[in-house]
Structure formats: C-alpha cells, structure tokens
C-alpha cells in the first residue's frame, strides 16, 4: 500500500485544489448579473433564437466524431505494441497486421462512401 501513498496524496491535493478554486471563485467573484452577462455570446453577433431543445446537428457531425474516436482508439492500442516490438518479434508483427487490416478496410469503406468529405 505504501507504493500508492504518493499517488493518493496527489489525488487528494488535486481534488482539494479543484474544490478550493471553485469555492474561492464563487465566494470572491463579483455578483453583478445583468441581461447581457446572462445572454449567450456568439463572437459579437446578436445570438439567433434557438428552438426548444437546442436545435439539430447534422448527422455528418456525429459520423466525424465517431471516426475520430475509432482511429484514436486504434492508436491507443498500437502504441504499446510499437514500444515492445523488439521483445515480441514476429508475433507482434502478425498481431499488428491482424489489427490494422480491419480498421484499414473500414477506413477505405468510409472514404469511398464520402464520409470524410466535409461539405
């Protein structure tokens, strides 16, 4: 357990700093609210009215987000193999190829379907 003591101490210190920062800003900060401060800000332009529920995002936005997550997770899984490649030898090469091929096929599919075109 003594190996985890520094990690636990750092976690407690970070939590205390976060909670203390929020409490200090709420306690010390100015409390002069007006309509302009409570209104949303859109780069100096008058905000446009939004429908109830916040409006709709195009499906392409979600597809792009999912693609980013998929390829980001791919890199997370490939990084440990790249670090320990010398120790694992041919086994690592075969496993890396078996992992990359389905992701590459999915990438080609998305590319051909136009999922990477941003209109």
C-alpha atoms as a PDB file:
ATOM      1  CA  UNK A   1       0.000   0.000   0.000  1.00  0.00           C
ATOM      2  CA  UNK A   2       2.912   2.361   0.647  1.00  0.00           C
ATOM      3  CA  UNK A   3       3.686   2.430  -3.085  1.00  0.00           C
ATOM      4  CA  UNK A   4       0.310   4.080  -3.725  1.00  0.00           C
ATOM      5  CA  UNK A   5       0.688   6.709  -0.995  1.00  0.00           C
ATOM      6  CA  UNK A   6       2.222   9.376  -3.292  1.00  0.00           C
ATOM      7  CA  UNK A   7      -0.487   8.784  -5.911  1.00  0.00           C
ATOM      8  CA  UNK A   8      -3.200   9.019  -3.279  1.00  0.00           C
ATOM      9  CA  UNK A   9      -1.638  12.182  -1.853  1.00  0.00           C
ATOM     10  CA  UNK A  10      -1.502  13.761  -5.309  1.00  0.00           C
ATOM     11  CA  UNK A  11      -5.138  12.809  -5.941  1.00  0.00           C
ATOM     12  CA  UNK A  12      -6.205  14.395  -2.654  1.00  0.00           C
ATOM     13  CA  UNK A  13      -4.149  17.511  -3.357  1.00  0.00           C
ATOM     14  CA  UNK A  14      -5.614  17.875  -6.868  1.00  0.00           C
ATOM     15  CA  UNK A  15      -9.159  17.392  -5.532  1.00  0.00           C
ATOM     16  CA  UNK A  16      -8.636  19.978  -2.812  1.00  0.00           C
ATOM     17  CA  UNK A  17      -7.228  22.444  -5.350  1.00  0.00           C
ATOM     18  CA  UNK A  18     -10.186  21.938  -7.716  1.00  0.00           C
ATOM     19  CA  UNK A  19     -12.793  22.258  -4.970  1.00  0.00           C
ATOM     20  CA  UNK A  20     -10.967  25.214  -3.427  1.00  0.00           C
ATOM     21  CA  UNK A  21     -10.732  27.034  -6.761  1.00  0.00           C
ATOM     22  CA  UNK A  22     -14.451  26.682  -7.407  1.00  0.00           C
ATOM     23  CA  UNK A  23     -15.320  27.736  -3.841  1.00  0.00           C
ATOM     24  CA  UNK A  24     -12.985  30.756  -3.956  1.00  0.00           C
ATOM     25  CA  UNK A  25     -14.320  31.967  -7.300  1.00  0.00           C
ATOM     26  CA  UNK A  26     -17.897  31.647  -6.061  1.00  0.00           C
ATOM     27  CA  UNK A  27     -17.088  33.435  -2.816  1.00  0.00           C
ATOM     28  CA  UNK A  28     -14.779  36.197  -4.055  1.00  0.00           C
ATOM     29  CA  UNK A  29     -16.097  36.835  -7.580  1.00  0.00           C
ATOM     30  CA  UNK A  30     -18.422  39.729  -8.446  1.00  0.00           C
ATOM     31  CA  UNK A  31     -22.134  39.077  -8.338  1.00  0.00           C
ATOM     32  CA  UNK A  32     -23.479  41.849 -10.579  1.00  0.00           C
ATOM     33  CA  UNK A  33     -25.634  39.958 -13.057  1.00  0.00           C
ATOM     34  CA  UNK A  34     -27.465  41.656 -15.898  1.00  0.00           C
ATOM     35  CA  UNK A  35     -29.170  40.546 -19.090  1.00  0.00           C
ATOM     36  CA  UNK A  36     -26.047  40.983 -21.241  1.00  0.00           C
ATOM     37  CA  UNK A  37     -23.938  38.734 -18.981  1.00  0.00           C
ATOM     38  CA  UNK A  38     -26.583  36.021 -18.843  1.00  0.00           C
ATOM     39  CA  UNK A  39     -27.109  36.026 -22.621  1.00  0.00           C
ATOM     40  CA  UNK A  40     -25.138  33.659 -24.861  1.00  0.00           C
ATOM     41  CA  UNK A  41     -22.193  35.134 -26.757  1.00  0.00           C
ATOM     42  CA  UNK A  42     -21.620  34.444 -30.451  1.00  0.00           C
ATOM     43  CA  UNK A  43     -18.469  36.359 -31.455  1.00  0.00           C
ATOM     44  CA  UNK A  44     -20.031  39.787 -31.121  1.00  0.00           C
ATOM     45  CA  UNK A  45     -23.059  38.896 -33.236  1.00  0.00           C
ATOM     46  CA  UNK A  46     -26.554  39.035 -31.779  1.00  0.00           C
ATOM     47  CA  UNK A  47     -27.500  35.463 -30.847  1.00  0.00           C
ATOM     48  CA  UNK A  48     -30.034  33.804 -33.104  1.00  0.00           C
ATOM     49  CA  UNK A  49     -33.078  32.282 -31.452  1.00  0.00           C
ATOM     50  CA  UNK A  50     -32.789  28.548 -30.918  1.00  0.00           C
ATOM     51  CA  UNK A  51     -35.684  26.090 -30.904  1.00  0.00           C
ATOM     52  CA  UNK A  52     -36.593  24.351 -27.678  1.00  0.00           C
ATOM     53  CA  UNK A  53     -34.136  21.505 -27.160  1.00  0.00           C
ATOM     54  CA  UNK A  54     -31.170  23.316 -28.721  1.00  0.00           C
ATOM     55  CA  UNK A  55     -31.670  22.579 -32.405  1.00  0.00           C
ATOM     56  CA  UNK A  56     -30.413  19.710 -34.542  1.00  0.00           C
ATOM     57  CA  UNK A  57     -26.886  18.855 -35.562  1.00  0.00           C
ATOM     58  CA  UNK A  58     -26.237  17.286 -38.948  1.00  0.00           C
ATOM     59  CA  UNK A  59     -25.565  13.543 -38.966  1.00  0.00           C
ATOM     60  CA  UNK A  60     -22.165  14.182 -40.597  1.00  0.00           C
ATOM     61  CA  UNK A  61     -21.028  15.800 -37.340  1.00  0.00           C
ATOM     62  CA  UNK A  62     -21.670  12.595 -35.396  1.00  0.00           C
ATOM     63  CA  UNK A  63     -20.084  10.411 -38.079  1.00  0.00           C
ATOM     64  CA  UNK A  64     -16.924  12.528 -37.996  1.00  0.00           C
ATOM     65  CA  UNK A  65     -16.841  12.303 -34.197  1.00  0.00           C
ATOM     66  CA  UNK A  66     -17.218   8.514 -34.274  1.00  0.00           C
ATOM     67  CA  UNK A  67     -14.479   8.180 -36.901  1.00  0.00           C
ATOM     68  CA  UNK A  68     -12.160  10.249 -34.752  1.00  0.00           C
ATOM     69  CA  UNK A  69     -12.868   8.023 -31.749  1.00  0.00           C
ATOM     70  CA  UNK A  70     -12.293   4.822 -33.747  1.00  0.00           C
ATOM     71  CA  UNK A  71      -8.933   5.947 -35.132  1.00  0.00           C
ATOM     72  CA  UNK A  72      -7.908   7.422 -31.794  1.00  0.00           C
ATOM     73  CA  UNK A  73      -8.588   4.089 -30.092  1.00  0.00           C
ATOM     74  CA  UNK A  74      -6.590   2.362 -32.837  1.00  0.00           C
ATOM     75  CA  UNK A  75      -3.556   4.478 -31.975  1.00  0.00           C
ATOM     76  CA  UNK A  76      -4.020   3.759 -28.270  1.00  0.00           C
ATOM     77  CA  UNK A  77      -3.879   0.021 -28.974  1.00  0.00           C
ATOM     78  CA  UNK A  78      -0.970   0.259 -31.417  1.00  0.00           C
ATOM     79  CA  UNK A  79       1.289   2.324 -29.158  1.00  0.00           C
ATOM     80  CA  UNK A  80       2.114  -0.474 -26.637  1.00  0.00           C
ATOM     81  CA  UNK A  81       2.890  -2.865 -29.492  1.00  0.00           C
ATOM     82  CA  UNK A  82       5.249  -0.326 -31.034  1.00  0.00           C
ATOM     83  CA  UNK A  83       7.019   0.197 -27.697  1.00  0.00           C
ATOM     84  CA  UNK A  84       7.576  -3.505 -27.041  1.00  0.00           C
ATOM     85  CA  UNK A  85       8.015  -4.601 -30.676  1.00  0.00           C
ATOM     86  CA  UNK A  86      11.590  -5.850 -30.218  1.00  0.00           C
ATOM     87  CA  UNK A  87      10.640  -8.079 -27.302  1.00  0.00           C
ATOM     88  CA  UNK A  88       7.665  -9.669 -29.093  1.00  0.00           C
ATOM     89  CA  UNK A  89       9.228 -10.190 -32.527  1.00  0.00           C
ATOM     90  CA  UNK A  90       7.185 -11.828 -35.274  1.00  0.00           C
ATOM     91  CA  UNK A  91       4.175 -12.330 -33.025  1.00  0.00           C
ATOM     92  CA  UNK A  92       3.826  -8.548 -32.659  1.00  0.00           C
ATOM     93  CA  UNK A  93       4.038  -8.054 -36.411  1.00  0.00           C
ATOM     94  CA  UNK A  94       1.281 -10.609 -37.084  1.00  0.00           C
ATOM     95  CA  UNK A  95      -0.937  -9.189 -34.345  1.00  0.00           C
ATOM     96  CA  UNK A  96      -0.414  -5.632 -35.599  1.00  0.00           C
ATOM     97  CA  UNK A  97      -1.328  -6.649 -39.155  1.00  0.00           C
ATOM     98  CA  UNK A  98      -4.434  -8.511 -37.922  1.00  0.00           C
ATOM     99  CA  UNK A  99      -5.463  -5.389 -36.019  1.00  0.00           C
ATOM    100  CA  UNK A 100      -4.718  -2.844 -38.750  1.00  0.00           C
ATOM    101  CA  UNK A 101      -6.343  -4.683 -41.692  1.00  0.00           C
ATOM    102  CA  UNK A 102      -9.991  -4.460 -40.453  1.00  0.00           C
ATOM    103  CA  UNK A 103      -9.520  -0.829 -39.469  1.00  0.00           C
ATOM    104  CA  UNK A 104      -7.977  -0.056 -42.858  1.00  0.00           C
ATOM    105  CA  UNK A 105     -10.881  -1.792 -44.626  1.00  0.00           C
ATOM    106  CA  UNK A 106     -13.326   0.315 -42.591  1.00  0.00           C
ATOM    107  CA  UNK A 107     -11.333   3.445 -43.466  1.00  0.00           C
ATOM    108  CA  UNK A 108     -11.487   2.631 -47.188  1.00  0.00           C
ATOM    109  CA  UNK A 109     -15.234   1.980 -46.909  1.00  0.00           C
ATOM    110  CA  UNK A 110     -15.851   5.322 -45.209  1.00  0.00           C
ATOM    111  CA  UNK A 111     -13.635   7.093 -47.725  1.00  0.00           C
ATOM    112  CA  UNK A 112     -15.464   5.592 -50.725  1.00  0.00           C
ATOM    113  CA  UNK A 113     -18.864   6.398 -49.197  1.00  0.00           C
ATOM    114  CA  UNK A 114     -17.840  10.064 -48.791  1.00  0.00           C
ATOM    115  CA  UNK A 115     -17.744  10.063 -45.004  1.00  0.00           C
ATOM    116  CA  UNK A 116     -14.518  12.069 -44.973  1.00  0.00           C
ATOM    117  CA  UNK A 117     -15.806  14.833 -47.277  1.00  0.00           C
ATOM    118  CA  UNK A 118     -16.755  17.891 -45.288  1.00  0.00           C
ATOM    119  CA  UNK A 119     -19.314  19.986 -47.170  1.00  0.00           C
END
